[in-house]
Amino acid sequence: MESTVRSRVTVILVVEDEPLIRMSAMMLFQGLGYRTFEAANADEAIALLETHAEITIVFTDVQMEGSMDGIALTHYAAGRWPPLRFIIVSGGVTPRLDELPVGAVFLAKPYADAAVGRCIAQFA
């Protein structure tokens, strides 16, 4: 039974408004063997979360255009889909720990690919 649980594929939603950064993150996660979805803002992310229950991790930038920033998105998603885990990144702001959902990880940009991989491995 343990091998069945471990063989489950981790699915990551990448939320990033900068297309090249989003593409780079998608390539990183796919290269590590994870399935991915992508969104350019919180509204697109919520629509994907509503239709894809297989998403287990949200990887989001803090600063982005749209109805809410990445921190607001993670709080909304954590309240609506409690099993989700979050990796929050930013090159412009460093949120306080008490601003993040419980269990969320913050990484400053530019982040090391290995650091992101370790975060996902601890969630999976």
PDB file of N, CA and C in Angstrom:
ATOM      1  N   MET A   1       0.822  -1.193   0.000  1.00  0.00           N
ATOM      2  CA  MET A   1       0.000   0.000   0.000  1.00  0.00           C
ATOM      3  C   MET A   1       0.863   1.253   0.000  1.00  0.00           C
ATOM      4  N   GLU A   2       1.985   1.244   0.720  1.00  0.00           N
ATOM      5  CA  GLU A   2       2.853   2.411   0.767  1.00  0.00           C
ATOM      6  C   GLU A   2       3.355   2.771  -0.634  1.00  0.00           C
ATOM      7  N   SER A   3       3.692   1.784  -1.455  1.00  0.00           N
ATOM      8  CA  SER A   3       4.191   2.084  -2.785  1.00  0.00           C
ATOM      9  C   SER A   3       3.116   2.737  -3.649  1.00  0.00           C
ATOM     10  N   THR A   4       1.850   2.406  -3.423  1.00  0.00           N
ATOM     11  CA  THR A   4       0.757   3.037  -4.162  1.00  0.00           C
ATOM     12  C   THR A   4       0.692   4.518  -3.839  1.00  0.00           C
ATOM     13  N   VAL A   5       0.802   4.871  -2.570  1.00  0.00           N
ATOM     14  CA  VAL A   5       0.757   6.265  -2.166  1.00  0.00           C
ATOM     15  C   VAL A   5       1.939   7.022  -2.759  1.00  0.00           C
ATOM     16  N   ARG A   6       3.125   6.454  -2.698  1.00  0.00           N
ATOM     17  CA  ARG A   6       4.317   7.122  -3.195  1.00  0.00           C
ATOM     18  C   ARG A   6       4.323   7.241  -4.715  1.00  0.00           C
ATOM     19  N   SER A   7       3.637   6.370  -5.420  1.00  0.00           N
ATOM     20  CA  SER A   7       3.654   6.422  -6.872  1.00  0.00           C
ATOM     21  C   SER A   7       2.675   7.468  -7.422  1.00  0.00           C
ATOM     22  N   ARG A   8       1.853   8.041  -6.572  1.00  0.00           N
ATOM     23  CA  ARG A   8       0.922   9.074  -7.011  1.00  0.00           C
ATOM     24  C   ARG A   8       1.714  10.258  -7.557  1.00  0.00           C
ATOM     25  N   VAL A   9       1.286  10.804  -8.677  1.00  0.00           N
ATOM     26  CA  VAL A   9       1.985  11.910  -9.308  1.00  0.00           C
ATOM     27  C   VAL A   9       1.586  13.229  -8.642  1.00  0.00           C
ATOM     28  N   THR A  10       2.591  14.020  -8.275  1.00  0.00           N
ATOM     29  CA  THR A  10       2.344  15.351  -7.728  1.00  0.00           C
ATOM     30  C   THR A  10       1.993  16.282  -8.877  1.00  0.00           C
ATOM     31  N   VAL A  11       0.952  17.077  -8.682  1.00  0.00           N
ATOM     32  CA  VAL A  11       0.495  18.010  -9.714  1.00  0.00           C
ATOM     33  C   VAL A  11       0.641  19.430  -9.165  1.00  0.00           C
ATOM     34  N   ILE A  12       1.335  20.267  -9.914  1.00  0.00           N
ATOM     35  CA  ILE A  12       1.668  21.616  -9.473  1.00  0.00           C
ATOM     36  C   ILE A  12       1.002  22.650 -10.365  1.00  0.00           C
ATOM     37  N   LEU A  13       0.384  23.635  -9.733  1.00  0.00           N
ATOM     38  CA  LEU A  13      -0.167  24.783 -10.443  1.00  0.00           C
ATOM     39  C   LEU A  13       0.814  25.930 -10.302  1.00  0.00           C
ATOM     40  N   VAL A  14       1.324  26.422 -11.424  1.00  0.00           N
ATOM     41  CA  VAL A  14       2.257  27.547 -11.447  1.00  0.00           C
ATOM     42  C   VAL A  14       1.461  28.812 -11.748  1.00  0.00           C
ATOM     43  N   VAL A  15       1.522  29.780 -10.825  1.00  0.00           N
ATOM     44  CA  VAL A  15       0.800  31.046 -10.999  1.00  0.00           C
ATOM     45  C   VAL A  15       1.842  32.158 -11.066  1.00  0.00           C
ATOM     46  N   GLU A  16       2.021  32.705 -12.248  1.00  0.00           N
ATOM     47  CA  GLU A  16       3.066  33.709 -12.490  1.00  0.00           C
ATOM     48  C   GLU A  16       2.630  34.557 -13.674  1.00  0.00           C
ATOM     49  N   ASP A  17       2.649  35.887 -13.516  1.00  0.00           N
ATOM     50  CA  ASP A  17       2.195  36.759 -14.594  1.00  0.00           C
ATOM     51  C   ASP A  17       3.255  37.032 -15.657  1.00  0.00           C
ATOM     52  N   GLU A  18       4.511  36.766 -15.368  1.00  0.00           N
ATOM     53  CA  GLU A  18       5.576  36.946 -16.357  1.00  0.00           C
ATOM     54  C   GLU A  18       5.731  35.663 -17.167  1.00  0.00           C
ATOM     55  N   PRO A  19       5.391  35.699 -18.467  1.00  0.00           N
ATOM     56  CA  PRO A  19       5.388  34.470 -19.273  1.00  0.00           C
ATOM     57  C   PRO A  19       6.700  33.691 -19.274  1.00  0.00           C
ATOM     58  N   LEU A  20       7.842  34.368 -19.378  1.00  0.00           N
ATOM     59  CA  LEU A  20       9.109  33.643 -19.423  1.00  0.00           C
ATOM     60  C   LEU A  20       9.437  32.983 -18.090  1.00  0.00           C
ATOM     61  N   ILE A  21       9.129  33.640 -16.986  1.00  0.00           N
ATOM     62  CA  ILE A  21       9.361  33.052 -15.669  1.00  0.00           C
ATOM     63  C   ILE A  21       8.418  31.876 -15.457  1.00  0.00           C
ATOM     64  N   ARG A  22       7.160  32.031 -15.888  1.00  0.00           N
ATOM     65  CA  ARG A  22       6.184  30.932 -15.776  1.00  0.00           C
ATOM     66  C   ARG A  22       6.652  29.732 -16.584  1.00  0.00           C
ATOM     67  N   MET A  23       7.110  29.974 -17.807  1.00  0.00           N
ATOM     68  CA  MET A  23       7.582  28.882 -18.664  1.00  0.00           C
ATOM     69  C   MET A  23       8.797  28.195 -18.039  1.00  0.00           C
ATOM     70  N   SER A  24       9.698  28.973 -17.467  1.00  0.00           N
ATOM     71  CA  SER A  24      10.882  28.403 -16.823  1.00  0.00           C
ATOM     72  C   SER A  24      10.492  27.509 -15.644  1.00  0.00           C
ATOM     73  N   ALA A  25       9.550  27.974 -14.827  1.00  0.00           N
ATOM     74  CA  ALA A  25       9.084  27.163 -13.690  1.00  0.00           C
ATOM     75  C   ALA A  25       8.402  25.894 -14.177  1.00  0.00           C
ATOM     76  N   MET A  26       7.601  26.011 -15.221  1.00  0.00           N
ATOM     77  CA  MET A  26       6.924  24.839 -15.773  1.00  0.00           C
ATOM     78  C   MET A  26       7.951  23.807 -16.251  1.00  0.00           C
ATOM     79  N   MET A  27       8.980  24.277 -16.944  1.00  0.00           N
ATOM     80  CA  MET A  27      10.015  23.373 -17.442  1.00  0.00           C
ATOM     81  C   MET A  27      10.771  22.719 -16.292  1.00  0.00           C
ATOM     82  N   LEU A  28      11.038  23.475 -15.233  1.00  0.00           N
ATOM     83  CA  LEU A  28      11.710  22.910 -14.061  1.00  0.00           C
ATOM     84  C   LEU A  28      10.884  21.774 -13.477  1.00  0.00           C
ATOM     85  N   PHE A  29       9.603  22.026 -13.227  1.00  0.00           N
ATOM     86  CA  PHE A  29       8.755  21.017 -12.597  1.00  0.00           C
ATOM     87  C   PHE A  29       8.549  19.802 -13.492  1.00  0.00           C
ATOM     88  N   GLN A  30       8.343  20.044 -14.782  1.00  0.00           N
ATOM     89  CA  GLN A  30       8.180  18.922 -15.705  1.00  0.00           C
ATOM     90  C   GLN A  30       9.468  18.106 -15.793  1.00  0.00           C
ATOM     91  N   GLY A  31      10.605  18.791 -15.755  1.00  0.00           N
ATOM     92  CA  GLY A  31      11.894  18.103 -15.775  1.00  0.00           C
ATOM     93  C   GLY A  31      12.124  17.237 -14.543  1.00  0.00           C
ATOM     94  N   LEU A  32      11.491  17.637 -13.431  1.00  0.00           N
ATOM     95  CA  LEU A  32      11.581  16.851 -12.200  1.00  0.00           C
ATOM     96  C   LEU A  32      10.539  15.729 -12.154  1.00  0.00           C
ATOM     97  N   GLY A  33       9.707  15.655 -13.202  1.00  0.00           N
ATOM     98  CA  GLY A  33       8.741  14.570 -13.295  1.00  0.00           C
ATOM     99  C   GLY A  33       7.348  14.881 -12.776  1.00  0.00           C
ATOM    100  N   TYR A  34       7.062  16.159 -12.531  1.00  0.00           N
ATOM    101  CA  TYR A  34       5.742  16.534 -12.020  1.00  0.00           C
ATOM    102  C   TYR A  34       4.827  16.976 -13.146  1.00  0.00           C
ATOM    103  N   ARG A  35       3.541  16.752 -12.959  1.00  0.00           N
ATOM    104  CA  ARG A  35       2.532  17.281 -13.889  1.00  0.00           C
ATOM    105  C   ARG A  35       2.280  18.726 -13.507  1.00  0.00           C
ATOM    106  N   THR A  36       1.975  19.569 -14.486  1.00  0.00           N
ATOM    107  CA  THR A  36       1.788  20.987 -14.217  1.00  0.00           C
ATOM    108  C   THR A  36       0.577  21.572 -14.926  1.00  0.00           C
ATOM    109  N   PHE A  37       0.071  22.627 -14.320  1.00  0.00           N
ATOM    110  CA  PHE A  37      -0.900  23.519 -14.934  1.00  0.00           C
ATOM    111  C   PHE A  37      -0.333  24.914 -14.759  1.00  0.00           C
ATOM    112  N   GLU A  38      -0.783  25.850 -15.593  1.00  0.00           N
ATOM    113  CA  GLU A  38      -0.279  27.211 -15.480  1.00  0.00           C
ATOM    114  C   GLU A  38      -1.395  28.226 -15.506  1.00  0.00           C
ATOM    115  N   ALA A  39      -1.165  29.329 -14.775  1.00  0.00           N
ATOM    116  CA  ALA A  39      -2.109  30.438 -14.723  1.00  0.00           C
ATOM    117  C   ALA A  39      -1.320  31.734 -14.662  1.00  0.00           C
ATOM    118  N   ALA A  40      -1.848  32.779 -15.302  1.00  0.00           N
ATOM    119  CA  ALA A  40      -1.175  34.069 -15.322  1.00  0.00           C
ATOM    120  C   ALA A  40      -1.611  34.972 -14.171  1.00  0.00           C
ATOM    121  N   ASN A  41      -2.703  34.587 -13.477  1.00  0.00           N
ATOM    122  CA  ASN A  41      -3.191  35.407 -12.366  1.00  0.00           C
ATOM    123  C   ASN A  41      -4.068  34.557 -11.451  1.00  0.00           C
ATOM    124  N   ALA A  42      -4.521  35.166 -10.357  1.00  0.00           N
ATOM    125  CA  ALA A  42      -5.308  34.431  -9.360  1.00  0.00           C
ATOM    126  C   ALA A  42      -6.638  33.942  -9.920  1.00  0.00           C
ATOM    127  N   ASP A  43      -7.278  34.735 -10.761  1.00  0.00           N
ATOM    128  CA  ASP A  43      -8.568  34.316 -11.318  1.00  0.00           C
ATOM    129  C   ASP A  43      -8.421  33.045 -12.162  1.00  0.00           C
ATOM    130  N   GLU A  44      -7.397  33.003 -12.998  1.00  0.00           N
ATOM    131  CA  GLU A  44      -7.147  31.792 -13.791  1.00  0.00           C
ATOM    132  C   GLU A  44      -6.800  30.620 -12.876  1.00  0.00           C
ATOM    133  N   ALA A  45      -6.039  30.893 -11.825  1.00  0.00           N
ATOM    134  CA  ALA A  45      -5.648  29.832 -10.885  1.00  0.00           C
ATOM    135  C   ALA A  45      -6.870  29.237 -10.200  1.00  0.00           C
ATOM    136  N   ILE A  46      -7.770  30.081  -9.737  1.00  0.00           N
ATOM    137  CA  ILE A  46      -8.975  29.593  -9.055  1.00  0.00           C
ATOM    138  C   ILE A  46      -9.831  28.761 -10.002  1.00  0.00           C
ATOM    139  N   ALA A  47      -9.951  29.203 -11.244  1.00  0.00           N
ATOM    140  CA  ALA A  47     -10.719  28.420 -12.226  1.00  0.00           C
ATOM    141  C   ALA A  47     -10.098  27.032 -12.412  1.00  0.00           C
ATOM    142  N   LEU A  48      -8.769  26.948 -12.464  1.00  0.00           N
ATOM    143  CA  LEU A  48      -8.104  25.650 -12.602  1.00  0.00           C
ATOM    144  C   LEU A  48      -8.277  24.805 -11.349  1.00  0.00           C
ATOM    145  N   LEU A  49      -8.172  25.415 -10.179  1.00  0.00           N
ATOM    146  CA  LEU A  49      -8.353  24.669  -8.926  1.00  0.00           C
ATOM    147  C   LEU A  49      -9.767  24.117  -8.810  1.00  0.00           C
ATOM    148  N   GLU A  50     -10.742  24.846  -9.331  1.00  0.00           N
ATOM    149  CA  GLU A  50     -12.135  24.386  -9.288  1.00  0.00           C
ATOM    150  C   GLU A  50     -12.370  23.174 -10.176  1.00  0.00           C
ATOM    151  N   THR A  51     -11.596  23.039 -11.228  1.00  0.00           N
ATOM    152  CA  THR A  51     -11.839  21.957 -12.188  1.00  0.00           C
ATOM    153  C   THR A  51     -10.795  20.836 -12.155  1.00  0.00           C
ATOM    154  N   HIS A  52      -9.731  21.011 -11.380  1.00  0.00           N
ATOM    155  CA  HIS A  52      -8.664  20.006 -11.343  1.00  0.00           C
ATOM    156  C   HIS A  52      -8.309  19.661  -9.903  1.00  0.00           C
ATOM    157  N   ALA A  53      -9.084  18.765  -9.339  1.00  0.00           N
ATOM    158  CA  ALA A  53      -8.874  18.352  -7.943  1.00  0.00           C
ATOM    159  C   ALA A  53      -7.535  17.653  -7.741  1.00  0.00           C
ATOM    160  N   GLU A  54      -6.881  17.238  -8.817  1.00  0.00           N
ATOM    161  CA  GLU A  54      -5.603  16.544  -8.700  1.00  0.00           C
ATOM    162  C   GLU A  54      -4.438  17.495  -8.355  1.00  0.00           C
ATOM    163  N   ILE A  55      -4.659  18.801  -8.448  1.00  0.00           N
ATOM    164  CA  ILE A  55      -3.605  19.765  -8.090  1.00  0.00           C
ATOM    165  C   ILE A  55      -3.361  19.679  -6.588  1.00  0.00           C
ATOM    166  N   THR A  56      -2.085  19.509  -6.215  1.00  0.00           N
ATOM    167  CA  THR A  56      -1.741  19.377  -4.801  1.00  0.00           C
ATOM    168  C   THR A  56      -0.848  20.501  -4.285  1.00  0.00           C
ATOM    169  N   ILE A  57      -0.129  21.165  -5.201  1.00  0.00           N
ATOM    170  CA  ILE A  57       0.783  22.238  -4.810  1.00  0.00           C
ATOM    171  C   ILE A  57       0.524  23.456  -5.691  1.00  0.00           C
ATOM    172  N   VAL A  58       0.467  24.624  -5.053  1.00  0.00           N
ATOM    173  CA  VAL A  58       0.373  25.883  -5.787  1.00  0.00           C
ATOM    174  C   VAL A  58       1.699  26.612  -5.610  1.00  0.00           C
ATOM    175  N   PHE A  59       2.336  26.920  -6.722  1.00  0.00           N
ATOM    176  CA  PHE A  59       3.596  27.662  -6.765  1.00  0.00           C
ATOM    177  C   PHE A  59       3.247  29.030  -7.321  1.00  0.00           C
ATOM    178  N   THR A  60       3.299  30.076  -6.483  1.00  0.00           N
ATOM    179  CA  THR A  60       2.817  31.371  -6.927  1.00  0.00           C
ATOM    180  C   THR A  60       3.758  32.516  -6.609  1.00  0.00           C
ATOM    181  N   ASP A  61       3.785  33.461  -7.512  1.00  0.00           N
ATOM    182  CA  ASP A  61       4.474  34.722  -7.279  1.00  0.00           C
ATOM    183  C   ASP A  61       3.588  35.573  -6.365  1.00  0.00           C
ATOM    184  N   VAL A  62       4.194  36.500  -5.628  1.00  0.00           N
ATOM    185  CA  VAL A  62       3.407  37.389  -4.772  1.00  0.00           C
ATOM    186  C   VAL A  62       2.791  38.492  -5.600  1.00  0.00           C
ATOM    187  N   GLN A  63       3.598  39.210  -6.347  1.00  0.00           N
ATOM    188  CA  GLN A  63       3.126  40.380  -7.071  1.00  0.00           C
ATOM    189  C   GLN A  63       2.670  39.993  -8.472  1.00  0.00           C
ATOM    190  N   MET A  64       1.377  40.211  -8.730  1.00  0.00           N
ATOM    191  CA  MET A  64       0.844  39.952 -10.061  1.00  0.00           C
ATOM    192  C   MET A  64      -0.418  40.763 -10.263  1.00  0.00           C
ATOM    193  N   GLU A  65      -0.746  40.969 -11.507  1.00  0.00           N
ATOM    194  CA  GLU A  65      -1.950  41.706 -11.872  1.00  0.00           C
ATOM    195  C   GLU A  65      -3.183  40.867 -11.579  1.00  0.00           C
ATOM    196  N   GLY A  66      -4.315  41.529 -11.445  1.00  0.00           N
ATOM    197  CA  GLY A  66      -5.563  40.802 -11.281  1.00  0.00           C
ATOM    198  C   GLY A  66      -6.273  41.137  -9.989  1.00  0.00           C
ATOM    199  N   SER A  67      -7.246  40.314  -9.649  1.00  0.00           N
ATOM    200  CA  SER A  67      -8.128  40.586  -8.516  1.00  0.00           C
ATOM    201  C   SER A  67      -7.450  40.404  -7.163  1.00  0.00           C
ATOM    202  N   MET A  68      -6.357  39.644  -7.101  1.00  0.00           N
ATOM    203  CA  MET A  68      -5.643  39.463  -5.835  1.00  0.00           C
ATOM    204  C   MET A  68      -4.198  39.095  -6.108  1.00  0.00           C
ATOM    205  N   ASP A  69      -3.346  39.359  -5.117  1.00  0.00           N
ATOM    206  CA  ASP A  69      -1.942  38.978  -5.249  1.00  0.00           C
ATOM    207  C   ASP A  69      -1.764  37.519  -4.820  1.00  0.00           C
ATOM    208  N   GLY A  70      -0.536  37.044  -4.879  1.00  0.00           N
ATOM    209  CA  GLY A  70      -0.269  35.635  -4.570  1.00  0.00           C
ATOM    210  C   GLY A  70      -0.555  35.252  -3.132  1.00  0.00           C
ATOM    211  N   ILE A  71      -0.319  36.153  -2.194  1.00  0.00           N
ATOM    212  CA  ILE A  71      -0.598  35.835  -0.796  1.00  0.00           C
ATOM    213  C   ILE A  71      -2.094  35.722  -0.561  1.00  0.00           C
ATOM    214  N   ALA A  72      -2.869  36.656  -1.116  1.00  0.00           N
ATOM    215  CA  ALA A  72      -4.327  36.572  -0.997  1.00  0.00           C
ATOM    216  C   ALA A  72      -4.843  35.294  -1.655  1.00  0.00           C
ATOM    217  N   LEU A  73      -4.271  34.941  -2.803  1.00  0.00           N
ATOM    218  CA  LEU A  73      -4.659  33.702  -3.485  1.00  0.00           C
ATOM    219  C   LEU A  73      -4.417  32.490  -2.593  1.00  0.00           C
ATOM    220  N   THR A  74      -3.263  32.427  -1.942  1.00  0.00           N
ATOM    221  CA  THR A  74      -2.967  31.251  -1.120  1.00  0.00           C
ATOM    222  C   THR A  74      -3.903  31.159   0.079  1.00  0.00           C
ATOM    223  N   HIS A  75      -4.244  32.286   0.675  1.00  0.00           N
ATOM    224  CA  HIS A  75      -5.187  32.255   1.803  1.00  0.00           C
ATOM    225  C   HIS A  75      -6.576  31.803   1.335  1.00  0.00           C
ATOM    226  N   TYR A  76      -7.011  32.320   0.185  1.00  0.00           N
ATOM    227  CA  TYR A  76      -8.309  31.917  -0.362  1.00  0.00           C
ATOM    228  C   TYR A  76      -8.303  30.411  -0.659  1.00  0.00           C
ATOM    229  N   ALA A  77      -7.270  29.953  -1.349  1.00  0.00           N
ATOM    230  CA  ALA A  77      -7.192  28.537  -1.732  1.00  0.00           C
ATOM    231  C   ALA A  77      -7.057  27.631  -0.512  1.00  0.00           C
ATOM    232  N   ALA A  78      -6.297  28.058   0.490  1.00  0.00           N
ATOM    233  CA  ALA A  78      -6.133  27.249   1.705  1.00  0.00           C
ATOM    234  C   ALA A  78      -7.463  27.085   2.432  1.00  0.00           C
ATOM    235  N   GLY A  79      -8.284  28.127   2.415  1.00  0.00           N
ATOM    236  CA  GLY A  79      -9.594  28.047   3.050  1.00  0.00           C
ATOM    237  C   GLY A  79     -10.580  27.188   2.279  1.00  0.00           C
ATOM    238  N   ARG A  80     -10.451  27.188   0.976  1.00  0.00           N
ATOM    239  CA  ARG A  80     -11.398  26.452   0.131  1.00  0.00           C
ATOM    240  C   ARG A  80     -10.963  25.013  -0.145  1.00  0.00           C
ATOM    241  N   TRP A  81      -9.655  24.805  -0.273  1.00  0.00           N
ATOM    242  CA  TRP A  81      -9.102  23.473  -0.558  1.00  0.00           C
ATOM    243  C   TRP A  81      -7.990  23.179   0.452  1.00  0.00           C
ATOM    244  N   PRO A  82      -8.346  22.864   1.688  1.00  0.00           N
ATOM    245  CA  PRO A  82      -7.349  22.726   2.761  1.00  0.00           C
ATOM    246  C   PRO A  82      -6.174  21.782   2.504  1.00  0.00           C
ATOM    247  N   PRO A  83      -6.299  20.738   1.707  1.00  0.00           N
ATOM    248  CA  PRO A  83      -5.118  19.881   1.526  1.00  0.00           C
ATOM    249  C   PRO A  83      -4.001  20.519   0.699  1.00  0.00           C
ATOM    250  N   LEU A  84      -4.273  21.627  -0.009  1.00  0.00           N
ATOM    251  CA  LEU A  84      -3.253  22.235  -0.859  1.00  0.00           C
ATOM    252  C   LEU A  84      -2.043  22.677  -0.056  1.00  0.00           C
ATOM    253  N   ARG A  85      -0.886  22.599  -0.704  1.00  0.00           N
ATOM    254  CA  ARG A  85       0.368  23.111  -0.137  1.00  0.00           C
ATOM    255  C   ARG A  85       0.825  24.266  -1.024  1.00  0.00           C
ATOM    256  N   PHE A  86       1.627  25.177  -0.457  1.00  0.00           N
ATOM    257  CA  PHE A  86       1.976  26.394  -1.185  1.00  0.00           C
ATOM    258  C   PHE A  86       3.460  26.707  -1.116  1.00  0.00           C
ATOM    259  N   ILE A  87       3.997  27.076  -2.284  1.00  0.00           N
ATOM    260  CA  ILE A  87       5.330  27.657  -2.379  1.00  0.00           C
ATOM    261  C   ILE A  87       5.113  29.050  -2.955  1.00  0.00           C
ATOM    262  N   ILE A  88       5.514  30.054  -2.182  1.00  0.00           N
ATOM    263  CA  ILE A  88       5.296  31.449  -2.551  1.00  0.00           C
ATOM    264  C   ILE A  88       6.653  32.064  -2.846  1.00  0.00           C
ATOM    265  N   VAL A  89       6.768  32.750  -3.990  1.00  0.00           N
ATOM    266  CA  VAL A  89       8.038  33.338  -4.392  1.00  0.00           C
ATOM    267  C   VAL A  89       7.859  34.820  -4.712  1.00  0.00           C
ATOM    268  N   SER A  90       8.940  35.573  -4.539  1.00  0.00           N
ATOM    269  CA  SER A  90       8.913  36.981  -4.913  1.00  0.00           C
ATOM    270  C   SER A  90      10.326  37.518  -5.025  1.00  0.00           C
ATOM    271  N   GLY A  91      10.497  38.425  -5.962  1.00  0.00           N
ATOM    272  CA  GLY A  91      11.749  39.142  -6.095  1.00  0.00           C
ATOM    273  C   GLY A  91      11.646  40.544  -5.553  1.00  0.00           C
ATOM    274  N   GLY A  92      10.430  40.954  -5.177  1.00  0.00           N
ATOM    275  CA  GLY A  92      10.222  42.328  -4.745  1.00  0.00           C
ATOM    276  C   GLY A  92       9.834  42.508  -3.299  1.00  0.00           C
ATOM    277  N   VAL A  93       9.182  41.526  -2.715  1.00  0.00           N
ATOM    278  CA  VAL A  93       8.740  41.630  -1.325  1.00  0.00           C
ATOM    279  C   VAL A  93       9.095  40.350  -0.576  1.00  0.00           C
ATOM    280  N   THR A  94       9.302  40.512   0.716  1.00  0.00           N
ATOM    281  CA  THR A  94       9.520  39.358   1.576  1.00  0.00           C
ATOM    282  C   THR A  94       8.439  39.385   2.646  1.00  0.00           C
ATOM    283  N   PRO A  95       7.416  38.548   2.494  1.00  0.00           N
ATOM    284  CA  PRO A  95       6.329  38.559   3.479  1.00  0.00           C
ATOM    285  C   PRO A  95       6.788  38.035   4.834  1.00  0.00           C
ATOM    286  N   ARG A  96       6.140  38.528   5.873  1.00  0.00           N
ATOM    287  CA  ARG A  96       6.393  37.993   7.215  1.00  0.00           C
ATOM    288  C   ARG A  96       5.766  36.603   7.295  1.00  0.00           C
ATOM    289  N   LEU A  97       6.317  35.759   8.145  1.00  0.00           N
ATOM    290  CA  LEU A  97       5.817  34.399   8.312  1.00  0.00           C
ATOM    291  C   LEU A  97       4.335  34.388   8.671  1.00  0.00           C
ATOM    292  N   ASP A  98       3.905  35.347   9.501  1.00  0.00           N
ATOM    293  CA  ASP A  98       2.496  35.379   9.907  1.00  0.00           C
ATOM    294  C   ASP A  98       1.558  35.843   8.798  1.00  0.00           C
ATOM    295  N   GLU A  99       2.095  36.278   7.664  1.00  0.00           N
ATOM    296  CA  GLU A  99       1.271  36.660   6.515  1.00  0.00           C
ATOM    297  C   GLU A  99       0.961  35.465   5.613  1.00  0.00           C
ATOM    298  N   LEU A 100       1.667  34.365   5.808  1.00  0.00           N
ATOM    299  CA  LEU A 100       1.526  33.198   4.936  1.00  0.00           C
ATOM    300  C   LEU A 100       0.590  32.165   5.553  1.00  0.00           C
ATOM    301  N   PRO A 101      -0.065  31.373   4.711  1.00  0.00           N
ATOM    302  CA  PRO A 101      -0.856  30.258   5.253  1.00  0.00           C
ATOM    303  C   PRO A 101       0.050  29.293   6.018  1.00  0.00           C
ATOM    304  N   VAL A 102      -0.507  28.626   6.997  1.00  0.00           N
ATOM    305  CA  VAL A 102       0.248  27.651   7.781  1.00  0.00           C
ATOM    306  C   VAL A 102       0.836  26.598   6.841  1.00  0.00           C
ATOM    307  N   GLY A 103       2.119  26.334   6.997  1.00  0.00           N
ATOM    308  CA  GLY A 103       2.789  25.312   6.199  1.00  0.00           C
ATOM    309  C   GLY A 103       3.327  25.799   4.867  1.00  0.00           C
ATOM    310  N   ALA A 104       3.020  27.040   4.489  1.00  0.00           N
ATOM    311  CA  ALA A 104       3.523  27.570   3.223  1.00  0.00           C
ATOM    312  C   ALA A 104       5.018  27.846   3.334  1.00  0.00           C
ATOM    313  N   VAL A 105       5.693  27.764   2.198  1.00  0.00           N
ATOM    314  CA  VAL A 105       7.123  28.034   2.121  1.00  0.00           C
ATOM    315  C   VAL A 105       7.323  29.276   1.261  1.00  0.00           C
ATOM    316  N   PHE A 106       8.205  30.168   1.695  1.00  0.00           N
ATOM    317  CA  PHE A 106       8.552  31.343   0.893  1.00  0.00           C
ATOM    318  C   PHE A 106       9.977  31.204   0.399  1.00  0.00           C
ATOM    319  N   LEU A 107      10.182  31.509  -0.890  1.00  0.00           N
ATOM    320  CA  LEU A 107      11.514  31.542  -1.490  1.00  0.00           C
ATOM    321  C   LEU A 107      11.689  32.874  -2.217  1.00  0.00           C
ATOM    322  N   ALA A 108      12.820  33.527  -1.971  1.00  0.00           N
ATOM    323  CA  ALA A 108      13.121  34.772  -2.665  1.00  0.00           C
ATOM    324  C   ALA A 108      13.626  34.471  -4.072  1.00  0.00           C
ATOM    325  N   LYS A 109      13.221  35.305  -5.030  1.00  0.00           N
ATOM    326  CA  LYS A 109      13.765  35.214  -6.391  1.00  0.00           C
ATOM    327  C   LYS A 109      15.082  35.974  -6.411  1.00  0.00           C
ATOM    328  N   PRO A 110      16.060  35.518  -7.144  1.00  0.00           N
ATOM    329  CA  PRO A 110      16.033  34.273  -7.907  1.00  0.00           C
ATOM    330  C   PRO A 110      16.242  33.079  -6.975  1.00  0.00           C
ATOM    331  N   TYR A 111      15.394  32.102  -7.109  1.00  0.00           N
ATOM    332  CA  TYR A 111      15.478  30.910  -6.272  1.00  0.00           C
ATOM    333  C   TYR A 111      16.316  29.855  -6.987  1.00  0.00           C
ATOM    334  N   ALA A 112      16.929  29.006  -6.201  1.00  0.00           N
ATOM    335  CA  ALA A 112      17.708  27.900  -6.763  1.00  0.00           C
ATOM    336  C   ALA A 112      16.759  26.756  -7.102  1.00  0.00           C
ATOM    337  N   ASP A 113      16.935  26.169  -8.266  1.00  0.00           N
ATOM    338  CA  ASP A 113      16.091  25.041  -8.664  1.00  0.00           C
ATOM    339  C   ASP A 113      16.113  23.936  -7.613  1.00  0.00           C
ATOM    340  N   ALA A 114      17.284  23.682  -7.029  1.00  0.00           N
ATOM    341  CA  ALA A 114      17.407  22.624  -6.023  1.00  0.00           C
ATOM    342  C   ALA A 114      16.559  22.937  -4.791  1.00  0.00           C
ATOM    343  N   ALA A 115      16.477  24.210  -4.402  1.00  0.00           N
ATOM    344  CA  ALA A 115      15.668  24.601  -3.242  1.00  0.00           C
ATOM    345  C   ALA A 115      14.187  24.352  -3.516  1.00  0.00           C
ATOM    346  N   VAL A 116      13.757  24.654  -4.724  1.00  0.00           N
ATOM    347  CA  VAL A 116      12.361  24.404  -5.101  1.00  0.00           C
ATOM    348  C   VAL A 116      12.097  22.904  -5.091  1.00  0.00           C
ATOM    349  N   GLY A 117      13.012  22.141  -5.636  1.00  0.00           N
ATOM    350  CA  GLY A 117      12.863  20.686  -5.651  1.00  0.00           C
ATOM    351  C   GLY A 117      12.749  20.106  -4.255  1.00  0.00           C
ATOM    352  N   ARG A 118      13.552  20.625  -3.318  1.00  0.00           N
ATOM    353  CA  ARG A 118      13.479  20.149  -1.929  1.00  0.00           C
ATOM    354  C   ARG A 118      12.135  20.482  -1.295  1.00  0.00           C
ATOM    355  N   CYS A 119      11.603  21.665  -1.579  1.00  0.00           N
ATOM    356  CA  CYS A 119      10.288  22.047  -1.034  1.00  0.00           C
ATOM    357  C   CYS A 119       9.209  21.087  -1.526  1.00  0.00           C
ATOM    358  N   ILE A 120       9.228  20.808  -2.812  1.00  0.00           N
ATOM    359  CA  ILE A 120       8.214  19.915  -3.374  1.00  0.00           C
ATOM    360  C   ILE A 120       8.366  18.511  -2.796  1.00  0.00           C
ATOM    361  N   ALA A 121       9.599  18.049  -2.669  1.00  0.00           N
ATOM    362  CA  ALA A 121       9.829  16.707  -2.122  1.00  0.00           C
ATOM    363  C   ALA A 121       9.297  16.605  -0.699  1.00  0.00           C
ATOM    364  N   GLN A 122       9.428  17.653   0.095  1.00  0.00           N
ATOM    365  CA  GLN A 122       8.926  17.585   1.475  1.00  0.00           C
ATOM    366  C   GLN A 122       7.399  17.599   1.517  1.00  0.00           C
ATOM    367  N   PHE A 123       6.765  18.182   0.492  1.00  0.00           N
ATOM    368  CA  PHE A 123       5.299  18.201   0.423  1.00  0.00           C
ATOM    369  C   PHE A 123       4.736  16.891  -0.090  1.00  0.00           C
ATOM    370  N   ALA A 124       5.475  16.234  -0.993  1.00  0.00           N
ATOM    371  CA  ALA A 124       4.956  15.047  -1.685  1.00  0.00           C
ATOM    372  C   ALA A 124       4.918  13.830  -0.767  1.00  0.00           C
TER     373      ALA A 124
END
